[in-house]
């Protein structure tokens, strides 16, 4: 019975955590809910790096509701093991100990070996019951891009491609390949991304804005437009009046020329710009480079119901040097299109 109750409240904490997607990087999206006798005392989620973590926001919310006196003896549900070190904000374990919670229930374990399990031990020493691993798979999935960035020093890379049934990426004329519903889904992915990467040829041909417009969910007012990243072999060939250089978000545009090692760029995007989730919206030749270097973590493909479109294929050239197994996680009917999404490994 208690296990089912814990899972129910952790699902609620996960819903809260998802509200931080796209705004917390380089920190993880985390949700927390405080419960006493089946009633919510307070709840919160981490929204922006450098501001209060989910646990502290939930505690503040409990006091704002007039429930602070009930915190001793309550249970706090957190999607990630509470932090035990002081950074730009105080350690959440200190706040939990101070309020004398009876139980701490969390989903994912901190991937940083310097902190992993430390909160668990600190809380138990104080006589607080700790229950780890509740809804672990769901919590891990939500946090996997952050886990990847922490462990590799590179962003989680999602390749987004739109194709016809015969694997073409363009139409014979300048029309959208995907339907309206699919375009909104794509903008939802942009909303959850920290940066979008294209090649110089895409910039010259399409003059994209690469901004979040009309996603499935209303963007948080704290959401910045994603970094727009351009990789080119010839900087001088890029049109100076392109949207990426002239619109109101032009300071969010980054350009690299003649990149020899994609890993160097990915590392800089994470360490310097805090990019945890990177989406590729590039053409086939640049996408092939990412695939050849084994740098694509996730694949999202929308398939439109047409055959015999334009000349550009998803991955041009000969066979790839390696075989990648696609593990499908989602199959979505999106208006007239079909979207498949999953892990590439």
Protein backbone atom coordinates (compact mmCIF):
# COMPACT_ATOMS: atom_id res chain seq x y z
CA UNK A 1 0.00 0.00 0.00
CA UNK A 2 2.76 2.47 0.95
CA UNK A 3 4.60 1.64 -2.27
CA UNK A 4 1.55 2.61 -4.34
CA UNK A 5 1.13 5.84 -2.38
CA UNK A 6 4.80 6.72 -2.89
CA UNK A 7 4.52 6.08 -6.62
CA UNK A 8 1.42 8.26 -6.84
CA UNK A 9 3.13 11.24 -5.22
CA UNK A 10 6.33 10.73 -7.20
CA UNK A 11 4.28 10.92 -10.39
CA UNK A 12 3.01 14.25 -9.14
CA UNK A 13 6.58 15.39 -8.50
CA UNK A 14 7.48 14.34 -12.05
CA UNK A 15 4.69 16.50 -13.45
CA UNK A 16 6.14 19.43 -11.54
CA UNK A 17 9.67 18.65 -12.76
CA UNK A 18 8.56 18.74 -16.40
CA UNK A 19 7.57 22.39 -15.93
CA UNK A 20 11.29 23.16 -15.79
CA UNK A 21 12.18 21.56 -19.13
CA UNK A 22 14.07 24.06 -21.24
CA UNK A 23 14.79 26.58 -18.48
CA UNK A 24 17.00 24.86 -15.88
CA UNK A 25 20.18 24.08 -17.82
CA UNK A 26 22.93 23.48 -16.92
CA UNK A 27 20.99 22.25 -13.87
CA UNK A 28 18.49 19.37 -14.02
CA UNK A 29 14.69 19.75 -14.06
CA UNK A 30 13.53 18.55 -10.62
CA UNK A 31 10.16 18.49 -8.90
CA UNK A 32 9.24 18.14 -5.21
CA UNK A 33 6.00 17.75 -3.29
CA UNK A 34 5.53 17.67 0.51
CA UNK A 35 2.76 15.45 1.89
CA UNK A 36 1.30 14.96 5.37
CA UNK A 37 -1.61 12.59 6.05
CA UNK A 38 -2.43 12.43 2.34
CA UNK A 39 -2.57 16.22 1.92
CA UNK A 40 -0.18 18.44 -0.02
CA UNK A 41 1.55 20.91 2.28
CA UNK A 42 3.68 22.50 -0.43
CA UNK A 43 5.20 21.83 -3.84
CA UNK A 44 7.73 23.29 -6.21
CA UNK A 45 10.09 22.74 -9.10
CA UNK A 46 13.52 24.02 -10.10
CA UNK A 47 12.94 26.68 -12.72
CA UNK A 48 16.18 28.56 -13.44
CA UNK A 49 19.83 27.77 -12.68
CA UNK A 50 21.10 29.83 -9.77
CA UNK A 51 17.69 30.05 -8.12
CA UNK A 52 16.09 27.88 -5.42
CA UNK A 53 15.99 24.13 -5.99
CA UNK A 54 12.74 22.19 -5.99
CA UNK A 55 12.98 21.14 -2.32
CA UNK A 56 13.47 24.68 -1.05
CA UNK A 57 10.68 26.00 -3.25
CA UNK A 58 8.36 23.31 -1.89
CA UNK A 59 9.31 24.25 1.69
CA UNK A 60 8.74 27.95 0.95
CA UNK A 61 5.39 27.07 -0.60
CA UNK A 62 4.39 25.14 2.52
CA UNK A 63 5.11 28.18 4.70
CA UNK A 64 3.26 30.43 2.26
CA UNK A 65 0.21 28.18 2.63
CA UNK A 66 0.45 28.34 6.41
CA UNK A 67 1.61 24.72 6.68
CA UNK A 68 5.11 25.24 8.03
CA UNK A 69 4.24 23.86 11.45
CA UNK A 70 3.30 20.52 9.83
CA UNK A 71 6.66 19.91 8.15
CA UNK A 72 8.11 17.90 11.07
CA UNK A 73 6.75 14.42 10.43
CA UNK A 74 5.89 15.06 6.76
CA UNK A 75 7.24 13.26 3.68
CA UNK A 76 8.99 15.07 0.84
CA UNK A 77 9.00 13.44 -2.59
CA UNK A 78 11.81 14.53 -4.92
CA UNK A 79 12.58 13.27 -8.43
CA UNK A 80 16.36 13.48 -7.84
CA UNK A 81 18.47 12.73 -4.78
CA UNK A 82 18.66 16.01 -2.80
CA UNK A 83 21.85 18.00 -3.23
CA UNK A 84 24.29 17.86 -0.34
CA UNK A 85 26.73 20.59 -1.34
CA UNK A 86 26.47 24.36 -1.35
CA UNK A 87 26.71 26.10 -4.71
CA UNK A 88 24.83 29.23 -5.74
CA UNK A 89 22.08 28.01 -3.39
CA UNK A 90 22.30 26.19 -0.05
CA UNK A 91 22.35 22.42 0.22
CA UNK A 92 18.83 20.99 0.16
CA UNK A 93 19.79 18.33 2.71
CA UNK A 94 20.42 21.13 5.23
CA UNK A 95 16.92 22.51 4.69
CA UNK A 96 15.35 19.05 4.98
CA UNK A 97 17.21 18.33 8.22
CA UNK A 98 16.32 21.75 9.62
CA UNK A 99 12.58 21.16 9.05
CA UNK A 100 12.75 17.67 10.62
CA UNK A 101 11.00 15.76 7.86
CA UNK A 102 10.10 12.19 8.76
CA UNK A 103 10.71 10.70 5.29
CA UNK A 104 12.54 11.59 2.12
CA UNK A 105 11.49 9.69 -1.00
CA UNK A 106 13.47 10.23 -4.20
CA UNK A 107 13.62 8.72 -7.67
CA UNK A 108 17.01 9.11 -9.38
CA UNK A 109 20.44 8.93 -7.79
CA UNK A 110 22.89 11.80 -8.31
CA UNK A 111 25.22 10.75 -11.19
CA UNK A 112 28.13 12.79 -9.83
CA UNK A 113 30.33 10.31 -7.96
CA UNK A 114 31.48 13.12 -5.65
CA UNK A 115 27.95 13.47 -4.27
CA UNK A 116 26.27 10.16 -5.06
CA UNK A 117 24.69 8.66 -1.94
CA UNK A 118 25.96 11.44 0.30
CA UNK A 119 22.52 12.95 0.91
CA UNK A 120 21.15 9.50 1.66
CA UNK A 121 23.77 8.98 4.37
CA UNK A 122 23.44 12.47 5.87
CA UNK A 123 19.68 12.16 6.20
CA UNK A 124 19.80 8.70 7.76
CA UNK A 125 22.29 9.89 10.38
CA UNK A 126 19.70 12.48 11.42
CA UNK A 127 17.08 9.77 11.89
CA UNK A 128 15.17 10.58 8.72
CA UNK A 129 13.76 7.61 6.81
CA UNK A 130 15.07 7.54 3.25
CA UNK A 131 13.39 5.65 0.43
CA UNK A 132 15.37 5.81 -2.86
CA UNK A 133 14.50 4.56 -6.33
CA UNK A 134 10.74 5.24 -6.42
CA UNK A 135 9.64 5.55 -10.08
CA UNK A 136 13.34 5.39 -10.90
CA UNK A 137 12.90 4.57 -14.60
CA UNK A 138 10.59 7.54 -15.20
CA UNK A 139 12.84 9.89 -13.24
CA UNK A 140 15.97 8.63 -15.01
CA UNK A 141 14.35 9.16 -18.41
CA UNK A 142 13.43 12.74 -17.55
CA UNK A 143 16.99 13.40 -16.40
CA UNK A 144 18.93 11.35 -18.94
CA UNK A 145 20.13 14.33 -20.98
CA UNK A 146 21.50 15.94 -17.82
CA UNK A 147 23.07 12.64 -16.73
CA UNK A 148 24.75 12.41 -20.14
CA UNK A 149 26.08 15.97 -19.97
CA UNK A 150 27.45 15.53 -16.44
CA UNK A 151 29.15 12.24 -17.31
CA UNK A 152 30.55 13.13 -20.76
CA UNK A 153 30.92 16.92 -20.70
CA UNK A 154 28.79 17.11 -23.87
CA UNK A 155 25.13 17.90 -24.54
CA UNK A 156 22.55 15.24 -25.28
CA UNK A 157 22.11 15.43 -29.08
CA UNK A 158 18.72 14.90 -30.69
CA UNK A 159 18.54 14.66 -34.46
CA UNK A 160 15.23 15.98 -35.80
CA UNK A 161 14.46 15.07 -39.39
CA UNK A 162 11.35 15.42 -41.53
CA UNK A 163 11.04 13.07 -44.50
CA UNK A 164 8.72 11.68 -47.12
CA UNK A 165 7.90 7.99 -47.28
CA UNK A 166 10.88 7.49 -49.61
CA UNK A 167 13.31 9.23 -47.25
CA UNK A 168 13.54 12.66 -48.89
CA UNK A 169 14.03 15.78 -46.76
CA UNK A 170 12.80 18.43 -49.22
CA UNK A 171 9.95 19.03 -51.62
CA UNK A 172 10.28 19.95 -55.28
CA UNK A 173 8.90 23.40 -54.47
CA UNK A 174 9.37 25.59 -51.39
CA UNK A 175 6.58 24.23 -49.23
CA UNK A 176 6.64 22.79 -45.75
CA UNK A 177 7.20 19.06 -45.79
CA UNK A 178 5.39 18.50 -42.49
CA UNK A 179 1.83 19.31 -41.52
CA UNK A 180 0.75 21.99 -39.05
CA UNK A 181 0.45 19.58 -36.10
CA UNK A 182 3.96 18.25 -36.70
CA UNK A 183 5.38 21.76 -36.86
CA UNK A 184 3.87 22.50 -33.44
CA UNK A 185 5.44 19.30 -32.08
CA UNK A 186 8.81 20.42 -33.51
CA UNK A 187 8.47 23.76 -31.76
CA UNK A 188 7.75 21.92 -28.52
CA UNK A 189 11.11 20.19 -28.98
CA UNK A 190 12.72 23.58 -29.48
CA UNK A 191 11.05 24.77 -26.28
CA UNK A 192 12.73 21.92 -24.41
CA UNK A 193 16.12 22.49 -26.09
CA UNK A 194 18.96 24.78 -25.08
CA UNK A 195 20.42 25.10 -28.57
CA UNK A 196 19.60 24.30 -32.20
CA UNK A 197 22.36 23.52 -34.68
CA UNK A 198 22.37 23.93 -38.45
CA UNK A 199 24.97 24.03 -41.19
CA UNK A 200 25.92 26.96 -43.37
CA UNK A 201 24.07 25.52 -46.35
CA UNK A 202 20.80 25.38 -44.40
CA UNK A 203 21.29 29.01 -43.37
CA UNK A 204 21.97 30.14 -46.94
CA UNK A 205 19.13 28.13 -48.46
CA UNK A 206 16.32 28.48 -45.90
CA UNK A 207 17.18 31.57 -43.83
CA UNK A 208 15.64 29.91 -40.73
CA UNK A 209 14.74 31.78 -37.54
CA UNK A 210 15.27 28.75 -35.27
CA UNK A 211 13.06 30.31 -32.60
CA UNK A 212 10.27 28.82 -30.50
CA UNK A 213 6.92 29.66 -32.09
CA UNK A 214 3.52 28.15 -31.29
CA UNK A 215 4.64 25.03 -29.37
CA UNK A 216 2.19 22.56 -27.85
CA UNK A 217 2.60 24.13 -24.40
CA UNK A 218 2.71 27.78 -23.38
CA UNK A 219 6.38 28.73 -22.87
CA UNK A 220 7.53 29.80 -19.44
CA UNK A 221 8.18 33.55 -19.27
CA UNK A 222 11.64 32.54 -18.03
CA UNK A 223 12.42 30.63 -21.22
CA UNK A 224 15.13 32.20 -23.35
CA UNK A 225 15.20 31.52 -27.05
CA UNK A 226 17.59 28.61 -27.73
CA UNK A 227 21.12 29.33 -28.82
CA UNK A 228 21.27 29.21 -32.65
CA UNK A 229 24.48 27.40 -33.64
CA UNK A 230 25.86 27.50 -37.18
CA UNK A 231 28.74 25.35 -38.43
CA UNK A 232 30.17 26.44 -41.77
CA UNK A 233 33.19 25.87 -43.97
CA UNK A 234 33.17 29.48 -45.17
CA UNK A 235 32.19 32.23 -42.76
CA UNK A 236 32.27 34.93 -45.44
CA UNK A 237 29.71 33.06 -47.53
CA UNK A 238 26.99 33.42 -44.88
CA UNK A 239 24.42 36.11 -45.76
CA UNK A 240 24.92 39.04 -43.35
CA UNK A 241 21.20 39.93 -43.47
CA UNK A 242 20.03 36.45 -42.44
CA UNK A 243 17.50 36.34 -39.59
CA UNK A 244 20.02 34.75 -37.24
CA UNK A 245 22.22 37.86 -37.52
CA UNK A 246 19.58 40.58 -37.62
CA UNK A 247 16.54 39.58 -35.55
CA UNK A 248 15.90 40.54 -31.92
CA UNK A 249 17.67 37.37 -30.76
CA UNK A 250 20.85 37.86 -32.81
CA UNK A 251 22.98 37.79 -29.64
CA UNK A 252 21.86 34.17 -29.21
CA UNK A 253 23.60 33.15 -32.46
CA UNK A 254 26.96 31.33 -32.41
CA UNK A 255 29.04 30.55 -35.50
CA UNK A 256 32.02 28.22 -35.89
CA UNK A 257 34.08 27.87 -39.06
CA UNK A 258 35.91 24.78 -40.35
CA UNK A 259 35.24 22.59 -37.33
CA UNK A 260 37.49 19.55 -37.43
CA UNK A 261 36.34 17.85 -34.23
CA UNK A 262 32.64 18.08 -33.39
CA UNK A 263 33.35 16.94 -29.83
CA UNK A 264 35.28 20.16 -29.15
CA UNK A 265 32.25 22.24 -30.14
CA UNK A 266 29.90 20.10 -28.08
CA UNK A 267 32.15 20.40 -25.05
CA UNK A 268 32.27 24.18 -25.39
CA UNK A 269 28.49 24.39 -25.77
CA UNK A 270 28.10 22.59 -22.45
CA UNK A 271 30.93 24.11 -20.41
CA UNK A 272 30.69 27.71 -21.67
CA UNK A 273 27.04 28.09 -22.66
CA UNK A 274 25.31 25.59 -20.37
CA UNK A 275 23.77 23.60 -23.22
CA UNK A 276 22.46 20.25 -21.98
CA UNK A 277 19.95 19.54 -24.78
CA UNK A 278 21.09 20.20 -28.35
CA UNK A 279 18.81 19.64 -31.32
CA UNK A 280 20.13 19.12 -34.84
CA UNK A 281 18.06 20.69 -37.62
CA UNK A 282 20.86 20.46 -40.15
CA UNK A 283 21.04 18.99 -43.61
CA UNK A 284 22.10 15.47 -44.46
CA UNK A 285 25.84 16.04 -44.90
CA UNK A 286 26.33 17.56 -41.45
CA UNK A 287 23.98 15.02 -39.90
CA UNK A 288 26.13 12.30 -41.43
CA UNK A 289 29.21 13.73 -39.66
CA UNK A 290 27.45 13.56 -36.30
CA UNK A 291 26.39 9.98 -37.02
CA UNK A 292 29.85 8.92 -38.17
CA UNK A 293 31.33 10.32 -34.95
CA UNK A 294 28.73 8.51 -32.82
CA UNK A 295 27.40 11.76 -31.36
CA UNK A 296 23.64 11.36 -31.91
CA UNK A 297 21.81 10.16 -28.79
CA UNK A 298 18.19 10.49 -29.83
CA UNK A 299 16.36 10.36 -33.16
CA UNK A 300 13.06 12.08 -33.95
CA UNK A 301 11.67 11.60 -37.43
CA UNK A 302 8.40 12.86 -38.85
CA UNK A 303 7.21 11.04 -41.95
CA UNK A 304 4.84 12.78 -44.36
CA UNK A 305 2.52 10.80 -46.68
CA UNK A 306 4.16 11.51 -50.01
CA UNK A 307 6.62 9.89 -52.40
CA UNK A 308 8.87 11.45 -55.02
CA UNK A 309 9.77 14.74 -53.40
CA UNK A 310 13.00 16.77 -53.64
CA UNK A 311 16.57 15.57 -54.20
CA UNK A 312 17.92 15.71 -50.63
CA UNK A 313 18.07 12.45 -48.67
CA UNK A 314 18.39 12.05 -44.90
CA UNK A 315 21.93 10.67 -44.97
CA UNK A 316 23.60 11.20 -48.36
CA UNK A 317 26.55 9.21 -49.62
CA UNK A 318 27.58 5.59 -49.20
CA UNK A 319 26.72 3.32 -46.31
CA UNK A 320 27.56 4.62 -42.86
CA UNK A 321 30.66 3.00 -41.34
CA UNK A 322 28.70 1.86 -38.29
CA UNK A 323 25.28 0.38 -37.64
CA UNK A 324 23.05 2.14 -35.13
CA UNK A 325 20.14 0.34 -33.49
CA UNK A 326 17.02 2.47 -33.00
CA UNK A 327 15.08 1.78 -29.80
CA UNK A 328 11.63 3.23 -30.39
CA UNK A 329 10.05 4.98 -27.42
CA UNK A 330 7.19 6.86 -29.07
CA UNK A 331 5.01 6.44 -32.15
CA UNK A 332 2.68 9.39 -32.60
CA UNK A 333 -0.03 10.06 -35.16
CA UNK A 334 0.37 13.79 -35.67
CA UNK A 335 -2.29 15.07 -38.05
CA UNK A 336 -1.45 13.69 -41.47
CA UNK A 337 2.08 12.70 -40.40
CA UNK A 338 3.62 9.98 -38.26
CA UNK A 339 6.34 10.76 -35.74
CA UNK A 340 8.77 8.15 -34.40
CA UNK A 341 11.11 8.99 -31.55
CA UNK A 342 13.66 6.96 -29.64
CA UNK A 343 17.25 6.27 -28.65
CA UNK A 344 20.01 5.67 -31.17
CA UNK A 345 22.72 3.36 -29.96
